Amino acid sequence: MTSMTDGYFDNVIERLTALKTDISAQMEAAADAVTAAARSDHRVYIFGTGHSHVMAEEMHYRAGGLAITVPILAAPIMLHEGAIAGTAYERTEGIVAPIMDRYNIRSGDVLFVISNSGVNAAPLEAARIGREIGCTVICITSVAYSTASAAGRERLADLADIVLDNGSPPGDAVMAVPRSELKVGPVSTAIGVTIMNAIFVDVAARLAADGDAPIYLSANMPGAREINRKLVERFRPRNPHL
C-alpha cells in the first residue's frame, strides 16, 4: 500500500480505538435507551441529511441488523437526485416537519440524528421535533466541527439527550495532499457506522437474553426467507420503507 493509504487506515484505526474509551459511557447510555424502547415495542428512527443519511440506510433491513430501526429518507435532503439542491435544502428552515409527519413517530421512541457539522437547519429541526414528541434524541456529531462552525448558534449537540462525539476534525478530511493545501479522506462515515453498529450489537445481545431479538438474516443464509418475512410482517406497520 502507498503511504497515503497506510496513513488513512492508521488514522481511522487510531480514532476508533480512542473512541472505544472516550465515548463508552455515552454508547452504553444509547444502548440502554434503544433496549428500553425495543422492550416496550417502540421504534428507533434514524435521520441524516447529505452523506449522513448513509447511517439511516446502513441500519435498515440489514443482514445482522435489528428490525426495530426505521430510516427517515426523503430525496430532497439526500444526494442522489441533486447534490447541490440537497445541500441547500438541509440548510432550509421548516423542511423537516412534513418529512417526519410520514413516520408516525411516538413518545417513547428513539430518534438518532446524525450531522457531522452539527449546525444545519434540518438536523436541528429533526432533533427539536423528536424532543417535542417525547423521543429520546441521540446525536452523532463532531463536537469540534460544530463548535468551530456555530459562531454562537445552537448546535445539534445542544439539543440531544445523548451526544456521541465522533471526534472528527472540522472539515472531516484528515489526510493532507502532498504539495497542496487540500485535504482528503473524510472519516465521519466510517466512524459513524462503526458507532451505530457497536451500539446495536450490544442491544441485540440484551434482547437475545430476553428471548426476542428481531435480527434480519442475509437473504442467502438458510432459513432467511421465512425469518425475514415474519419480521417484515411484524414491523412493516410502522416502517414505510419495508
Protein backbone atom coordinates (compact mmCIF):
# COMPACT_ATOMS: atom_id res chain seq x y z
CA MET A 1 0.00 0.00 0.00
CA THR A 2 1.06 3.60 -0.53
CA SER A 3 1.98 5.81 2.41
CA MET A 4 -1.28 7.74 1.94
CA THR A 5 -3.29 4.53 2.07
CA ASP A 6 -1.42 3.37 5.18
CA GLY A 7 -1.84 6.78 6.74
CA TYR A 8 -5.59 6.83 6.21
CA PHE A 9 -6.03 3.33 7.63
CA ASP A 10 -3.89 4.25 10.63
CA ASN A 11 -5.79 7.48 11.21
CA VAL A 12 -9.19 5.79 11.21
CA ILE A 13 -7.99 2.92 13.41
CA GLU A 14 -6.45 5.35 15.93
CA ARG A 15 -9.66 7.35 16.09
CA LEU A 16 -11.83 4.28 16.56
CA THR A 17 -9.50 2.91 19.23
CA ALA A 18 -9.67 6.19 21.15
CA LEU A 19 -13.46 6.38 20.85
CA LYS A 20 -13.90 2.97 22.47
CA THR A 21 -12.83 4.65 25.68
CA ASP A 22 -13.77 8.27 25.08
CA ILE A 23 -17.48 7.71 24.42
CA SER A 24 -18.02 4.33 26.07
CA ALA A 25 -20.38 5.78 28.69
CA GLN A 26 -22.41 7.59 26.03
CA MET A 27 -22.63 4.46 23.86
CA GLU A 28 -23.84 2.47 26.85
CA ALA A 29 -26.47 5.13 27.55
CA ALA A 30 -27.56 4.93 23.92
CA ALA A 31 -27.77 1.14 24.13
CA ASP A 32 -29.85 1.47 27.31
CA ALA A 33 -32.28 3.82 25.56
CA VAL A 34 -32.62 1.63 22.48
CA THR A 35 -33.08 -1.51 24.56
CA ALA A 36 -35.76 0.12 26.69
CA ALA A 37 -37.59 1.26 23.56
CA ALA A 38 -37.40 -2.19 21.98
CA ARG A 39 -38.70 -3.90 25.12
CA SER A 40 -41.73 -1.58 25.04
CA ASP A 41 -42.41 -2.22 21.33
CA HIS A 42 -41.19 1.23 20.34
CA ARG A 43 -39.09 2.04 17.28
CA VAL A 44 -35.72 3.58 16.60
CA TYR A 45 -35.79 6.23 13.87
CA ILE A 46 -32.63 7.41 12.13
CA PHE A 47 -32.33 10.78 10.41
CA GLY A 48 -29.50 12.35 8.48
CA THR A 49 -29.06 14.68 5.52
CA GLY A 50 -26.45 14.59 2.77
CA HIS A 51 -23.90 11.86 3.42
CA SER A 52 -25.21 11.41 6.95
CA HIS A 53 -28.29 9.68 5.58
CA VAL A 54 -25.96 6.74 4.86
CA MET A 55 -26.27 5.82 8.54
CA ALA A 56 -30.04 5.52 8.20
CA GLU A 57 -29.69 3.17 5.23
CA GLU A 58 -26.92 1.19 6.94
CA MET A 59 -29.29 0.19 9.75
CA HIS A 60 -32.32 -0.51 7.53
CA TYR A 61 -33.25 -4.11 6.59
CA ARG A 62 -29.62 -5.04 7.18
CA ALA A 63 -28.22 -8.55 7.40
CA GLY A 64 -27.37 -8.90 11.06
CA GLY A 65 -29.36 -5.76 11.87
CA LEU A 66 -32.36 -5.18 14.12
CA ALA A 67 -35.83 -4.80 12.64
CA ILE A 68 -36.75 -2.10 15.17
CA THR A 69 -34.88 0.50 13.10
CA VAL A 70 -36.70 2.84 10.73
CA PRO A 71 -34.80 5.11 8.31
CA ILE A 72 -36.16 8.60 7.67
CA LEU A 73 -35.49 9.09 3.97
CA ALA A 74 -36.57 11.88 1.64
CA ALA A 75 -34.99 12.65 -1.72
CA PRO A 76 -34.71 16.44 -1.30
CA ILE A 77 -32.30 16.11 1.64
CA MET A 78 -30.28 13.25 0.15
CA LEU A 79 -27.77 13.40 -2.71
CA HIS A 80 -28.93 11.11 -5.49
CA GLU A 81 -31.42 13.47 -7.14
CA GLY A 82 -29.29 16.61 -6.86
CA ALA A 83 -26.40 17.18 -4.51
CA ILE A 84 -26.41 20.96 -4.86
CA ALA A 85 -30.13 21.19 -4.16
CA GLY A 86 -29.82 18.75 -1.26
CA THR A 87 -27.12 20.91 0.30
CA ALA A 88 -29.42 23.92 0.05
CA TYR A 89 -32.40 22.06 1.46
CA GLU A 90 -30.54 20.84 4.54
CA ARG A 91 -29.93 24.49 5.39
CA THR A 92 -33.60 25.44 4.92
CA GLU A 93 -35.86 26.00 7.92
CA GLY A 94 -39.17 24.17 8.02
CA ILE A 95 -38.43 21.38 5.57
CA VAL A 96 -38.22 18.53 8.09
CA ALA A 97 -41.67 18.61 9.74
CA PRO A 98 -43.59 17.40 6.65
CA ILE A 99 -40.96 14.69 6.11
CA MET A 100 -41.23 13.38 9.66
CA ASP A 101 -45.04 13.52 9.58
CA ARG A 102 -44.92 10.45 7.35
CA TYR A 103 -43.46 8.25 10.07
CA ASN A 104 -45.93 8.23 12.97
CA ILE A 105 -43.14 8.79 15.49
CA ARG A 106 -44.40 8.44 19.05
CA SER A 107 -43.42 9.33 22.57
CA GLY A 108 -41.12 6.61 23.86
CA ASP A 109 -39.42 6.05 20.52
CA VAL A 110 -35.73 6.77 19.99
CA LEU A 111 -34.55 9.23 17.34
CA PHE A 112 -30.96 9.19 16.12
CA VAL A 113 -29.97 12.41 14.35
CA ILE A 114 -26.67 12.34 12.50
CA SER A 115 -24.90 15.52 11.41
CA ASN A 116 -21.15 15.85 11.32
CA SER A 117 -21.10 19.66 11.21
CA GLY A 118 -23.99 19.79 13.68
CA VAL A 119 -25.27 23.25 12.71
CA ASN A 120 -27.50 22.85 9.64
CA ALA A 121 -31.20 23.67 9.93
CA ALA A 122 -32.61 20.26 9.01
CA PRO A 123 -30.93 18.07 11.65
CA LEU A 124 -31.57 20.68 14.33
CA GLU A 125 -35.24 20.79 13.36
CA ALA A 126 -35.42 16.99 13.46
CA ALA A 127 -33.97 16.98 16.98
CA ARG A 128 -36.42 19.62 18.16
CA ILE A 129 -39.37 17.69 16.72
CA GLY A 130 -38.14 14.50 18.38
CA ARG A 131 -37.95 16.25 21.74
CA GLU A 132 -41.45 17.72 21.33
CA ILE A 133 -42.87 14.27 20.56
CA GLY A 134 -41.18 12.74 23.59
CA CYS A 135 -38.43 10.70 21.94
CA THR A 136 -35.03 10.07 23.37
CA VAL A 137 -32.87 12.06 20.95
CA ILE A 138 -29.39 10.69 20.31
CA CYS A 139 -26.99 12.51 18.02
CA ILE A 140 -23.79 11.52 16.28
CA THR A 141 -21.82 14.66 15.53
CA SER A 142 -18.39 16.22 15.65
CA VAL A 143 -18.32 18.47 18.68
CA ALA A 144 -15.11 20.12 17.43
CA TYR A 145 -16.57 20.79 13.98
CA SER A 146 -19.90 22.12 15.27
CA THR A 147 -18.18 24.32 17.85
CA ALA A 148 -15.95 25.81 15.18
CA SER A 149 -18.89 26.36 12.80
CA ALA A 150 -21.57 27.53 15.21
CA ALA A 151 -20.35 31.09 15.81
CA GLY A 152 -22.77 31.36 18.72
CA ARG A 153 -25.60 29.46 17.01
CA GLU A 154 -27.34 26.46 18.55
CA ARG A 155 -25.74 23.11 17.75
CA LEU A 156 -27.19 19.64 17.41
CA ALA A 157 -25.15 18.66 20.48
CA ASP A 158 -27.13 21.24 22.48
CA LEU A 159 -30.44 19.56 21.64
CA ALA A 160 -29.72 15.86 22.08
CA ASP A 161 -30.30 13.80 25.22
CA ILE A 162 -27.22 11.71 24.40
CA VAL A 163 -24.28 13.09 22.41
CA LEU A 164 -21.99 10.68 20.58
CA ASP A 165 -18.96 12.75 19.56
CA ASN A 166 -17.34 11.10 16.54
CA GLY A 167 -14.12 13.05 17.14
CA SER A 168 -13.68 14.06 13.51
CA PRO A 169 -11.92 17.37 12.82
CA PRO A 170 -13.51 20.49 11.31
CA GLY A 171 -13.87 19.79 7.60
CA ASP A 172 -13.87 15.99 8.18
CA ALA A 173 -10.94 15.16 5.87
CA VAL A 174 -7.76 14.05 7.65
CA MET A 175 -5.09 13.44 5.01
CA ALA A 176 -3.05 16.35 3.64
CA VAL A 177 -2.46 16.13 -0.10
CA PRO A 178 1.27 16.49 -0.81
CA ARG A 179 2.34 19.80 -2.37
CA SER A 180 -1.13 21.18 -1.75
CA GLU A 181 -3.18 22.91 0.94
CA LEU A 182 -6.02 20.44 0.31
CA LYS A 183 -7.08 17.50 2.47
CA VAL A 184 -8.79 14.24 1.54
CA GLY A 185 -10.01 11.19 3.41
CA PRO A 186 -13.17 12.07 5.36
CA VAL A 187 -13.67 9.90 8.45
CA SER A 188 -17.15 10.72 9.77
CA THR A 189 -18.99 7.99 7.83
CA ALA A 190 -16.60 5.17 8.73
CA ILE A 191 -16.66 6.24 12.38
CA GLY A 192 -20.41 6.87 12.48
CA VAL A 193 -21.30 3.48 11.00
CA THR A 194 -18.98 1.78 13.49
CA ILE A 195 -20.55 3.63 16.43
CA MET A 196 -24.05 2.73 15.27
CA ASN A 197 -23.28 -0.95 14.76
CA ALA A 198 -21.42 -1.17 18.08
CA ILE A 199 -24.49 0.13 19.90
CA PHE A 200 -26.86 -2.20 18.10
CA VAL A 201 -24.81 -5.35 18.64
CA ASP A 202 -24.96 -4.57 22.36
CA VAL A 203 -28.73 -4.09 22.10
CA ALA A 204 -29.12 -7.32 20.14
CA ALA A 205 -27.30 -9.28 22.84
CA ARG A 206 -29.56 -7.83 25.52
CA LEU A 207 -32.71 -8.60 23.53
CA ALA A 208 -31.48 -12.11 22.79
CA ALA A 209 -31.15 -12.66 26.55
CA ASP A 210 -34.83 -11.70 26.78
CA GLY A 211 -35.65 -14.27 24.11
CA ASP A 212 -36.74 -11.74 21.46
CA ALA A 213 -34.01 -10.34 19.25
CA PRO A 214 -35.59 -9.36 15.90
CA ILE A 215 -32.50 -9.79 13.73
CA TYR A 216 -32.57 -9.95 9.94
CA LEU A 217 -30.60 -12.70 8.19
CA SER A 218 -28.74 -12.26 4.93
CA ALA A 219 -31.06 -13.35 2.12
CA ASN A 220 -28.61 -16.11 1.11
CA MET A 221 -28.49 -17.76 4.54
CA PRO A 222 -30.53 -20.90 5.31
CA GLY A 223 -33.95 -20.05 6.71
CA ALA A 224 -33.60 -16.34 5.91
CA ARG A 225 -36.71 -16.06 3.77
CA GLU A 226 -39.08 -17.25 6.50
CA ILE A 227 -37.37 -15.39 9.34
CA ASN A 228 -37.23 -12.12 7.41
CA ARG A 229 -40.82 -12.50 6.17
CA LYS A 230 -42.10 -12.74 9.75
CA LEU A 231 -40.04 -9.72 10.81
CA VAL A 232 -41.34 -7.66 7.90
CA GLU A 233 -44.94 -8.58 8.74
CA ARG A 234 -44.34 -7.60 12.37
CA PHE A 235 -42.55 -4.30 11.76
CA ARG A 236 -43.96 -3.03 8.46
CA PRO A 237 -46.92 -1.18 10.05
CA ARG A 238 -44.51 1.45 11.43
CA ASN A 239 -41.81 1.28 8.75
CA PRO A 240 -42.92 2.69 5.38
CA HIS A 241 -39.66 1.52 3.75
CA LEU A 242 -40.33 -2.22 4.14
